[in-house]
Protein backbone atom coordinates (compact mmCIF):
# COMPACT_ATOMS: atom_id res chain seq x y z
CA MET A 1 6.51 31.91 16.21
CA GLY A 2 7.79 31.24 12.70
CA THR A 3 4.65 29.52 11.57
CA LYS A 4 3.70 29.96 7.91
CA SER A 5 0.17 31.07 7.50
CA PRO A 6 -2.14 28.78 5.46
CA SER A 7 -3.27 29.81 2.07
CA TYR A 8 -6.84 30.90 1.58
CA LYS A 9 -6.52 31.45 -2.17
CA GLY A 10 -9.72 30.81 -4.03
CA HIS A 11 -11.95 31.36 -0.92
CA ARG A 12 -14.40 34.34 -1.30
CA TYR A 13 -15.08 34.42 2.49
CA PRO A 14 -12.68 36.36 4.79
CA VAL A 15 -10.16 34.64 6.90
CA GLU A 16 -11.95 35.74 9.95
CA ALA A 17 -15.17 33.83 8.99
CA ILE A 18 -13.18 30.70 7.93
CA SER A 19 -11.04 30.45 11.03
CA HIS A 20 -14.04 31.13 13.33
CA CYS A 21 -16.11 28.37 11.93
CA VAL A 22 -13.28 25.95 12.19
CA TRP A 23 -12.63 27.02 15.81
CA LEU A 24 -16.30 26.61 16.70
CA TYR A 25 -16.65 23.28 15.29
CA PHE A 26 -13.51 21.70 16.83
CA ARG A 27 -13.71 23.53 20.17
CA PHE A 28 -17.47 22.85 21.04
CA PRO A 29 -19.75 19.84 20.47
CA LEU A 30 -21.48 21.48 17.54
CA SER A 31 -22.76 20.08 14.18
CA PHE A 32 -22.05 21.91 10.98
CA ARG A 33 -25.69 23.01 10.80
CA GLU A 34 -25.39 24.53 14.35
CA VAL A 35 -22.18 26.37 13.21
CA GLU A 36 -24.15 27.62 10.34
CA GLU A 37 -26.87 28.95 12.58
CA LEU A 38 -24.30 30.65 14.82
CA MET A 39 -22.71 32.30 11.90
CA LEU A 40 -26.17 33.52 10.55
CA GLN A 41 -26.74 35.17 14.02
CA ARG A 42 -23.51 37.07 13.53
CA GLY A 43 -24.76 38.23 10.03
CA VAL A 44 -22.48 35.81 8.03
CA THR A 45 -24.60 33.66 5.54
CA VAL A 46 -22.77 30.27 4.92
CA SER A 47 -24.04 26.84 4.27
CA HIS A 48 -23.23 23.85 6.55
CA GLU A 49 -21.62 22.12 3.55
CA THR A 50 -19.31 24.97 3.05
CA VAL A 51 -18.47 24.75 6.80
CA ARG A 52 -17.72 21.12 6.42
CA ARG A 53 -15.32 21.71 3.58
CA TRP A 54 -13.65 24.42 5.67
CA CYS A 55 -13.18 22.07 8.55
CA THR A 56 -11.93 19.22 6.50
CA LYS A 57 -9.29 21.51 4.72
CA PHE A 58 -8.20 23.81 7.50
CA GLY A 59 -8.77 21.57 10.67
CA GLN A 60 -5.64 19.48 10.00
CA THR A 61 -3.63 22.58 8.83
CA TYR A 62 -4.28 24.48 12.09
CA ALA A 63 -3.77 21.28 14.21
CA HIS A 64 -0.35 20.66 12.55
CA ALA A 65 0.72 24.23 13.00
CA ARG A 66 -0.22 24.13 16.69
CA ARG A 67 1.81 20.86 17.18
CA ARG A 68 4.91 22.42 15.71
CA CYS A 69 5.03 25.19 18.10
CA ARG A 70 4.22 23.12 21.28
CA PRO A 71 6.95 22.33 23.80
CA ARG A 72 8.98 19.18 23.55
CA PRO A 73 7.14 16.18 24.91
CA GLY A 74 8.17 14.77 28.26
CA ASP A 75 10.14 11.70 28.85
CA LYS A 76 7.18 9.74 30.61
CA TRP A 77 4.58 8.53 28.25
CA HIS A 78 1.07 7.20 29.35
CA LEU A 79 -0.76 5.09 26.76
CA ASP A 80 -4.34 3.86 26.79
CA GLU A 81 -6.96 2.63 24.26
CA VAL A 82 -10.72 2.88 24.29
CA PHE A 83 -13.71 1.66 22.09
CA ILE A 84 -15.07 3.94 19.53
CA LYS A 85 -17.87 3.27 17.01
CA THR A 86 -17.41 3.68 13.23
CA ASN A 87 -20.29 2.93 11.13
CA GLY A 88 -21.87 0.97 13.91
CA GLU A 89 -18.67 -1.27 14.20
CA GLN A 90 -16.36 -1.34 17.33
CA LYS A 91 -12.93 0.03 16.75
CA TYR A 92 -10.08 1.10 19.11
CA LEU A 93 -8.69 4.58 19.66
CA TRP A 94 -5.03 4.44 20.87
CA ARG A 95 -3.84 7.62 22.64
CA ALA A 96 -0.46 8.74 24.16
CA VAL A 97 0.11 11.63 26.51
CA ASP A 98 3.04 12.80 28.47
CA GLN A 99 3.39 13.36 32.14
CA ASP A 100 2.03 16.89 31.68
CA GLY A 101 -1.10 15.80 29.94
CA ASN A 102 -0.03 16.99 26.48
CA ILE A 103 -1.25 14.67 23.76
CA LEU A 104 1.46 12.98 21.79
CA ASP A 105 -0.56 11.39 19.11
CA LEU A 106 -3.43 9.04 18.57
CA LEU A 107 -4.35 6.29 16.22
CA VAL A 108 -7.60 4.51 15.26
CA GLN A 109 -7.19 0.78 14.57
CA ASN A 110 -9.24 -2.23 14.04
CA ARG A 111 -7.68 -4.26 16.67
CA ARG A 112 -5.89 -4.14 20.12
CA ASP A 113 -3.41 -6.92 19.78
CA THR A 114 0.30 -6.84 19.79
CA THR A 115 0.67 -5.90 16.22
CA ALA A 116 -1.56 -2.85 16.77
CA ALA A 117 0.29 -2.01 19.90
CA GLY A 118 3.62 -2.19 18.01
CA ARG A 119 2.31 -0.04 15.20
CA PHE A 120 1.34 2.60 17.66
CA PHE A 121 4.67 2.50 19.40
CA ARG A 122 6.61 2.90 16.10
CA MET A 123 4.45 5.77 15.12
CA LEU A 124 5.10 7.70 18.24
CA LEU A 125 8.78 7.08 17.95
CA ARG A 126 8.77 8.31 14.42
CA LYS A 127 6.58 11.46 14.98
CA THR A 128 8.12 12.59 18.33
CA ARG A 129 11.57 11.69 17.42
CA ARG A 130 12.28 10.93 20.90
CA VAL A 131 12.61 7.82 22.97
CA PRO A 132 10.83 7.94 26.38
CA ARG A 133 12.39 7.12 29.86
CA VAL A 134 9.19 5.30 31.03
CA VAL A 135 6.14 4.02 29.38
CA VAL A 136 3.00 3.61 31.55
CA THR A 137 0.15 1.38 30.32
CA ASP A 138 -2.78 -0.56 31.74
CA LYS A 139 -2.38 -4.37 32.06
CA LEU A 140 -3.33 -5.15 28.39
CA ARG A 141 -0.73 -7.89 27.56
CA SER A 142 -0.34 -6.63 24.01
CA TYR A 143 1.57 -3.58 25.44
CA GLY A 144 4.09 -5.76 27.03
CA ALA A 145 4.70 -7.93 24.00
CA ALA A 146 4.97 -4.80 21.72
CA HIS A 147 7.28 -3.06 24.27
CA ARG A 148 9.77 -5.96 24.30
CA GLU A 149 9.84 -5.90 20.58
CA VAL A 150 9.99 -2.14 19.83
CA MET A 151 11.57 -0.44 22.76
CA PRO A 152 12.99 -3.14 25.18
CA CYS A 153 15.45 -0.62 26.80
CA VAL A 154 12.66 1.70 28.04
CA GLU A 155 11.16 1.07 31.45
CA HIS A 156 7.60 -0.35 31.20
CA ARG A 157 5.08 0.17 34.10
CA ALA A 158 1.77 -1.87 33.57
CA HIS A 159 -0.68 -0.74 36.35
CA LYS A 160 -4.22 0.45 35.84
CA GLY A 161 -4.07 2.92 38.76
CA LEU A 162 -1.00 4.59 37.26
CA ASN A 163 -2.66 5.36 33.97
CA ASN A 164 -5.37 7.86 34.96
CA ARG A 165 -3.75 10.64 33.03
CA ALA A 166 -4.19 8.87 29.70
CA GLU A 167 -7.73 7.64 30.59
CA ASN A 168 -8.72 11.17 31.48
CA SER A 169 -7.53 12.57 28.20
CA HIS A 170 -10.15 10.37 26.53
CA GLN A 171 -13.08 12.41 28.06
CA PRO A 172 -13.43 15.30 25.61
CA THR A 173 -13.19 12.70 22.71
CA SER A 174 -16.05 10.56 24.17
CA GLN A 175 -18.18 13.65 24.74
CA ARG A 176 -17.67 14.65 21.03
CA GLU A 177 -18.33 11.12 19.81
CA ARG A 178 -21.56 11.04 21.64
CA ALA A 179 -22.66 14.39 20.08
CA MET A 180 -21.55 13.13 16.53
CA LYS A 181 -23.32 9.66 17.19
CA GLY A 182 -20.24 7.80 16.07
CA PHE A 183 -17.99 8.07 13.00
CA ARG A 184 -18.67 7.06 9.41
CA SER A 185 -15.35 5.28 8.84
CA VAL A 186 -11.86 4.58 10.43
CA GLY A 187 -10.43 7.14 8.00
CA ALA A 188 -13.11 9.79 8.90
CA ALA A 189 -12.43 9.16 12.63
CA GLN A 190 -8.71 9.39 12.30
CA ARG A 191 -9.02 12.72 10.35
CA PHE A 192 -11.47 14.26 12.72
CA LEU A 193 -9.57 13.16 15.97
CA SER A 194 -6.16 14.27 14.68
CA ALA A 195 -7.48 17.75 14.10
CA PHE A 196 -9.63 17.67 17.19
CA SER A 197 -6.76 16.58 19.46
CA GLY A 198 -4.62 19.42 17.96
CA ILE A 199 -7.08 22.20 18.43
CA SER A 200 -9.37 21.48 21.32
CA PRO A 201 -6.88 20.95 24.07
CA HIS A 202 -5.24 24.38 23.25
CA PHE A 203 -8.49 26.02 24.53
CA ARG A 204 -8.73 23.64 27.63
CA PRO A 205 -6.21 24.86 30.07
CA ARG A 206 -6.47 23.39 33.71
CA ARG A 207 -8.88 26.04 34.77
CA HIS A 208 -9.53 24.41 38.19
CA ARG A 209 -5.84 25.10 39.08
CA MET A 210 -6.02 28.86 38.10
CA THR A 211 -7.39 31.97 39.49
CA ALA A 212 -10.03 33.85 37.23
CA HIS A 213 -7.33 36.50 36.45
CA HIS A 214 -4.76 33.85 35.49
CA TYR A 215 -7.30 32.01 33.41
CA ARG A 216 -8.29 35.05 31.45
CA ALA A 217 -4.71 36.12 30.89
CA GLU A 218 -3.75 32.50 29.70
CA MET A 219 -6.72 32.44 27.31
CA THR A 220 -5.64 35.75 25.85
CA VAL A 221 -2.34 34.24 25.05
CA ARG A 222 -3.80 31.13 23.56
CA PHE A 223 -6.17 33.29 21.41
CA GLU A 224 -3.12 35.24 20.07
CA ILE A 225 -1.39 31.98 19.16
CA ARG A 226 -4.55 30.98 17.31
CA GLU A 227 -4.52 34.12 15.34
CA GLN A 228 -0.83 33.70 14.37
CA ILE A 229 -1.50 30.06 13.25
CA THR A 230 -4.63 30.91 11.27
CA GLY A 231 -2.96 34.03 9.65
CA LEU A 232 -5.22 36.57 11.32
CA THR A 233 -2.31 38.38 12.89
CA GLY A 234 -0.50 38.93 9.63
CA LEU A 235 -3.84 40.10 8.03
CA SER A 236 -4.34 42.77 10.74
CA THR A 237 -0.76 43.87 10.40
CA THR A 238 -1.01 44.52 6.71
CA ALA A 239 -4.46 45.90 6.83
């Protein structure tokens, strides 16, 4: 895979414990205290504050490594925005997925006007380093104005019924937001959701389209990729 393992220098807990805590927190709607309890049941005594620091430090690292080894994004992008709560205030989560449902990126912003839409378009072009063939959005007028300004040569389809793929991709985030009772700030929301969108979908294959045997085989492969990203594979090789 060619992915460099993260450095765990200075941490007294083994890599297995650290990576498992981060996986639990970003994969399931658990609090830091609930992760602490699950680890205690496994015989590992670790405080919820330590789990929080691990998730803050390694969550983004694991997510970035996963994104680097994902396939190239498709040429049809679906964009959508939803309300989220940060410190009791209403903000907007912008998200883009390709035609296969792979998350391209997301951005938390204060508004959903033309400036915000244009900023999101430019971020997608910069990070993906690709220009799409088609952009699909709902009928929010800000998308049309930003599209004409940023990528006028790209086909734009504005139709609510065509954008179900992007709308459906918000469901795991909404579930997690309810469990967390909102976010403390825009920055905290951006950091968490950036790591969450890089880790959680990796363990959410489209199970309804798979046989039980196919699903188990697919998850085995995905867990092997996780071990390579977190450095567990290299650890077991040298042990």
